[in-house]
Each structure stands twice: as structure tokens, then as C-alpha cells.
Amino acid sequence: MNRGMNMGLSCEWCGSEAKNGENNVYWELPDGTRAIQITEAPAVVCDTCGMEYQTDEVTKEIEDQLFLVDTKKIPKTLSYQELMALPRLLKRNYFDFSS
């Protein structure tokens, strides 16, 4: 997925030209105890079909970060930047064998 300068970015749902944007998302914590709201999350926005979604890369960034931080210290709502700035308990997700 091309995340730079909107050049050649197309909607995965309808194939029309799309643009980079932000939206608010709700995410279940890895331990399943609760969900949080993440504001200003990077998103692909399609004016043609109205879809707003996170790329696979952003989804992986969020999931990895939630796995690596102390989730008890995460408030009910925080911005994407605040989430990504939280201190990690581990340097990386050693349980992710996909890469």
C-alpha cells in the first residue's frame, strides 16, 4: 500500500482513487479485558464508496504495540501518537513469526 503523497493510492473496496486520512477506531486489548478508542489513527479514505479503513501495516503496528505495552496503564481513549509513544515492555513482538 502506498502511504506517500496520495499518488497511486486506490481503495481496496471499490478500486477508486483514495487518500490518506485519519479516523477513530475501537480496539480490543490482547488480553480481552476491554476495548479502547484510538483517535486520529492513520486511515485510507475513499470519497467514492465512503469506506475508511486502516491498512494492514497500520493494523499490525497497533496490534504489536498493544501486545508490547502495559495495557493496564492505557486509558479508555488515546490518540494513535500517544499509543505509539507508550513505553514497551519488550523491544519487539518475539511471538510474531510472520516477518
C-alpha atoms as a PDB file:
ATOM      1  CA  MET A   1       0.000   0.000   0.000  1.00  0.00           C
ATOM      2  CA  ASN A   2       1.381   3.378  -0.987  1.00  0.00           C
ATOM      3  CA  ARG A   3       1.165   5.715   2.013  1.00  0.00           C
ATOM      4  CA  GLY A   4       3.051   8.635   0.471  1.00  0.00           C
ATOM      5  CA  MET A   5       1.614  11.826  -1.014  1.00  0.00           C
ATOM      6  CA  ASN A   6      -1.644  10.114  -2.204  1.00  0.00           C
ATOM      7  CA  MET A   7      -0.001   9.214  -5.525  1.00  0.00           C
ATOM      8  CA  GLY A   8      -1.470   5.985  -6.850  1.00  0.00           C
ATOM      9  CA  LEU A   9      -3.409   5.200  -3.660  1.00  0.00           C
ATOM     10  CA  SER A  10      -6.515   3.221  -4.541  1.00  0.00           C
ATOM     11  CA  CYS A  11      -9.393   1.962  -2.423  1.00  0.00           C
ATOM     12  CA  GLU A  12      -9.186  -1.748  -1.623  1.00  0.00           C
ATOM     13  CA  TRP A  13     -13.004  -1.905  -1.658  1.00  0.00           C
ATOM     14  CA  CYS A  14     -14.002  -0.222  -4.932  1.00  0.00           C
ATOM     15  CA  GLY A  15     -10.688   0.473  -6.710  1.00  0.00           C
ATOM     16  CA  SER A  16     -11.285   4.223  -6.967  1.00  0.00           C
ATOM     17  CA  GLU A  17      -8.681   6.827  -6.111  1.00  0.00           C
ATOM     18  CA  ALA A  18      -8.399   7.227  -2.331  1.00  0.00           C
ATOM     19  CA  LYS A  19      -6.467   9.474   0.013  1.00  0.00           C
ATOM     20  CA  ASN A  20      -4.655   9.253   3.325  1.00  0.00           C
ATOM     21  CA  GLY A  21      -6.636  10.467   6.316  1.00  0.00           C
ATOM     22  CA  GLU A  22      -7.386   9.724   9.954  1.00  0.00           C
ATOM     23  CA  ASN A  23     -10.298   8.238  11.855  1.00  0.00           C
ATOM     24  CA  ASN A  24     -11.257   6.933  15.277  1.00  0.00           C
ATOM     25  CA  VAL A  25     -11.219   3.184  15.860  1.00  0.00           C
ATOM     26  CA  TYR A  26     -12.101   0.834  18.696  1.00  0.00           C
ATOM     27  CA  TRP A  27      -9.658  -1.945  19.530  1.00  0.00           C
ATOM     28  CA  GLU A  28      -9.943  -4.902  21.864  1.00  0.00           C
ATOM     29  CA  LEU A  29      -6.905  -5.334  24.092  1.00  0.00           C
ATOM     30  CA  PRO A  30      -4.915  -8.561  23.570  1.00  0.00           C
ATOM     31  CA  ASP A  31      -5.987  -9.931  26.965  1.00  0.00           C
ATOM     32  CA  GLY A  32      -9.657  -9.431  26.032  1.00  0.00           C
ATOM     33  CA  THR A  33     -10.462  -7.452  29.183  1.00  0.00           C
ATOM     34  CA  ARG A  34     -11.795  -4.335  27.441  1.00  0.00           C
ATOM     35  CA  ALA A  35     -11.768  -2.225  24.314  1.00  0.00           C
ATOM     36  CA  ILE A  36     -10.193   1.200  23.869  1.00  0.00           C
ATOM     37  CA  GLN A  37     -10.781   4.059  21.465  1.00  0.00           C
ATOM     38  CA  ILE A  38      -7.803   5.132  19.369  1.00  0.00           C
ATOM     39  CA  THR A  39      -8.285   8.598  17.898  1.00  0.00           C
ATOM     40  CA  GLU A  40      -6.540  10.066  14.859  1.00  0.00           C
ATOM     41  CA  ALA A  41      -5.487   6.641  13.564  1.00  0.00           C
ATOM     42  CA  PRO A  42      -3.970   6.710  10.054  1.00  0.00           C
ATOM     43  CA  ALA A  43      -6.586   5.589   7.558  1.00  0.00           C
ATOM     44  CA  VAL A  44      -7.333   5.247   3.867  1.00  0.00           C
ATOM     45  CA  VAL A  45     -10.364   7.378   2.982  1.00  0.00           C
ATOM     46  CA  CYS A  46     -12.390   6.812  -0.196  1.00  0.00           C
ATOM     47  CA  ASP A  47     -14.790   9.568  -1.213  1.00  0.00           C
ATOM     48  CA  THR A  48     -16.327   7.351  -3.916  1.00  0.00           C
ATOM     49  CA  CYS A  49     -17.637   4.469  -1.791  1.00  0.00           C
ATOM     50  CA  GLY A  50     -17.317   6.112   1.632  1.00  0.00           C
ATOM     51  CA  MET A  51     -15.019   3.489   3.131  1.00  0.00           C
ATOM     52  CA  GLU A  52     -12.482   4.473   5.784  1.00  0.00           C
ATOM     53  CA  TYR A  53     -10.109   1.740   6.881  1.00  0.00           C
ATOM     54  CA  GLN A  54      -6.672   1.011   8.288  1.00  0.00           C
ATOM     55  CA  THR A  55      -4.055  -0.571   6.062  1.00  0.00           C
ATOM     56  CA  ASP A  56      -2.595  -3.930   7.035  1.00  0.00           C
ATOM     57  CA  GLU A  57       0.596  -2.107   8.054  1.00  0.00           C
ATOM     58  CA  VAL A  58      -1.220   0.240  10.467  1.00  0.00           C
ATOM     59  CA  THR A  59      -3.237  -2.663  11.877  1.00  0.00           C
ATOM     60  CA  LYS A  60      -0.032  -4.588  12.559  1.00  0.00           C
ATOM     61  CA  GLU A  61       1.597  -1.521  14.171  1.00  0.00           C
ATOM     62  CA  ILE A  62      -1.376  -1.111  16.536  1.00  0.00           C
ATOM     63  CA  GLU A  63      -1.600  -4.809  17.396  1.00  0.00           C
ATOM     64  CA  ASP A  64       2.141  -5.108  18.001  1.00  0.00           C
ATOM     65  CA  GLN A  65       2.172  -2.018  20.211  1.00  0.00           C
ATOM     66  CA  LEU A  66      -0.790  -3.246  22.281  1.00  0.00           C
ATOM     67  CA  PHE A  67       0.984  -6.566  22.759  1.00  0.00           C
ATOM     68  CA  LEU A  68       4.198  -4.872  23.909  1.00  0.00           C
ATOM     69  CA  VAL A  69       2.929  -2.261  26.398  1.00  0.00           C
ATOM     70  CA  ASP A  70       1.396  -2.488  29.864  1.00  0.00           C
ATOM     71  CA  THR A  71      -2.285  -2.476  28.885  1.00  0.00           C
ATOM     72  CA  LYS A  72      -3.374  -1.745  32.466  1.00  0.00           C
ATOM     73  CA  LYS A  73      -1.944   1.764  32.023  1.00  0.00           C
ATOM     74  CA  ILE A  74      -3.817   2.516  28.792  1.00  0.00           C
ATOM     75  CA  PRO A  75      -6.745   4.925  29.248  1.00  0.00           C
ATOM     76  CA  LYS A  76     -10.153   4.307  27.633  1.00  0.00           C
ATOM     77  CA  THR A  77      -9.304   6.802  24.882  1.00  0.00           C
ATOM     78  CA  LEU A  78      -5.957   7.893  23.488  1.00  0.00           C
ATOM     79  CA  SER A  79      -4.574   9.111  20.194  1.00  0.00           C
ATOM     80  CA  TYR A  80      -2.614   6.924  17.799  1.00  0.00           C
ATOM     81  CA  GLN A  81       0.501   9.012  18.518  1.00  0.00           C
ATOM     82  CA  GLU A  82       0.022   8.615  22.284  1.00  0.00           C
ATOM     83  CA  LEU A  83      -0.369   4.851  21.878  1.00  0.00           C
ATOM     84  CA  MET A  84       2.766   4.551  19.768  1.00  0.00           C
ATOM     85  CA  ALA A  85       4.732   6.654  22.308  1.00  0.00           C
ATOM     86  CA  LEU A  86       3.918   4.371  25.265  1.00  0.00           C
ATOM     87  CA  PRO A  87       6.981   2.608  26.689  1.00  0.00           C
ATOM     88  CA  ARG A  88       7.323  -1.013  25.621  1.00  0.00           C
ATOM     89  CA  LEU A  89       7.921  -3.909  27.979  1.00  0.00           C
ATOM     90  CA  LEU A  90       9.791  -5.730  25.175  1.00  0.00           C
ATOM     91  CA  LYS A  91      11.706  -4.263  22.225  1.00  0.00           C
ATOM     92  CA  ARG A  92       9.723  -6.212  19.647  1.00  0.00           C
ATOM     93  CA  ASN A  93       7.000  -8.822  19.313  1.00  0.00           C
ATOM     94  CA  TYR A  94       9.028 -12.027  19.611  1.00  0.00           C
ATOM     95  CA  PHE A  95       5.864 -14.081  19.063  1.00  0.00           C
ATOM     96  CA  ASP A  96       5.247 -12.715  15.559  1.00  0.00           C
ATOM     97  CA  PHE A  97       6.712 -15.252  13.158  1.00  0.00           C
ATOM     98  CA  SER A  98       5.271 -13.631  10.014  1.00  0.00           C
ATOM     99  CA  SER A  99       8.340 -11.485   9.311  1.00  0.00           C
END
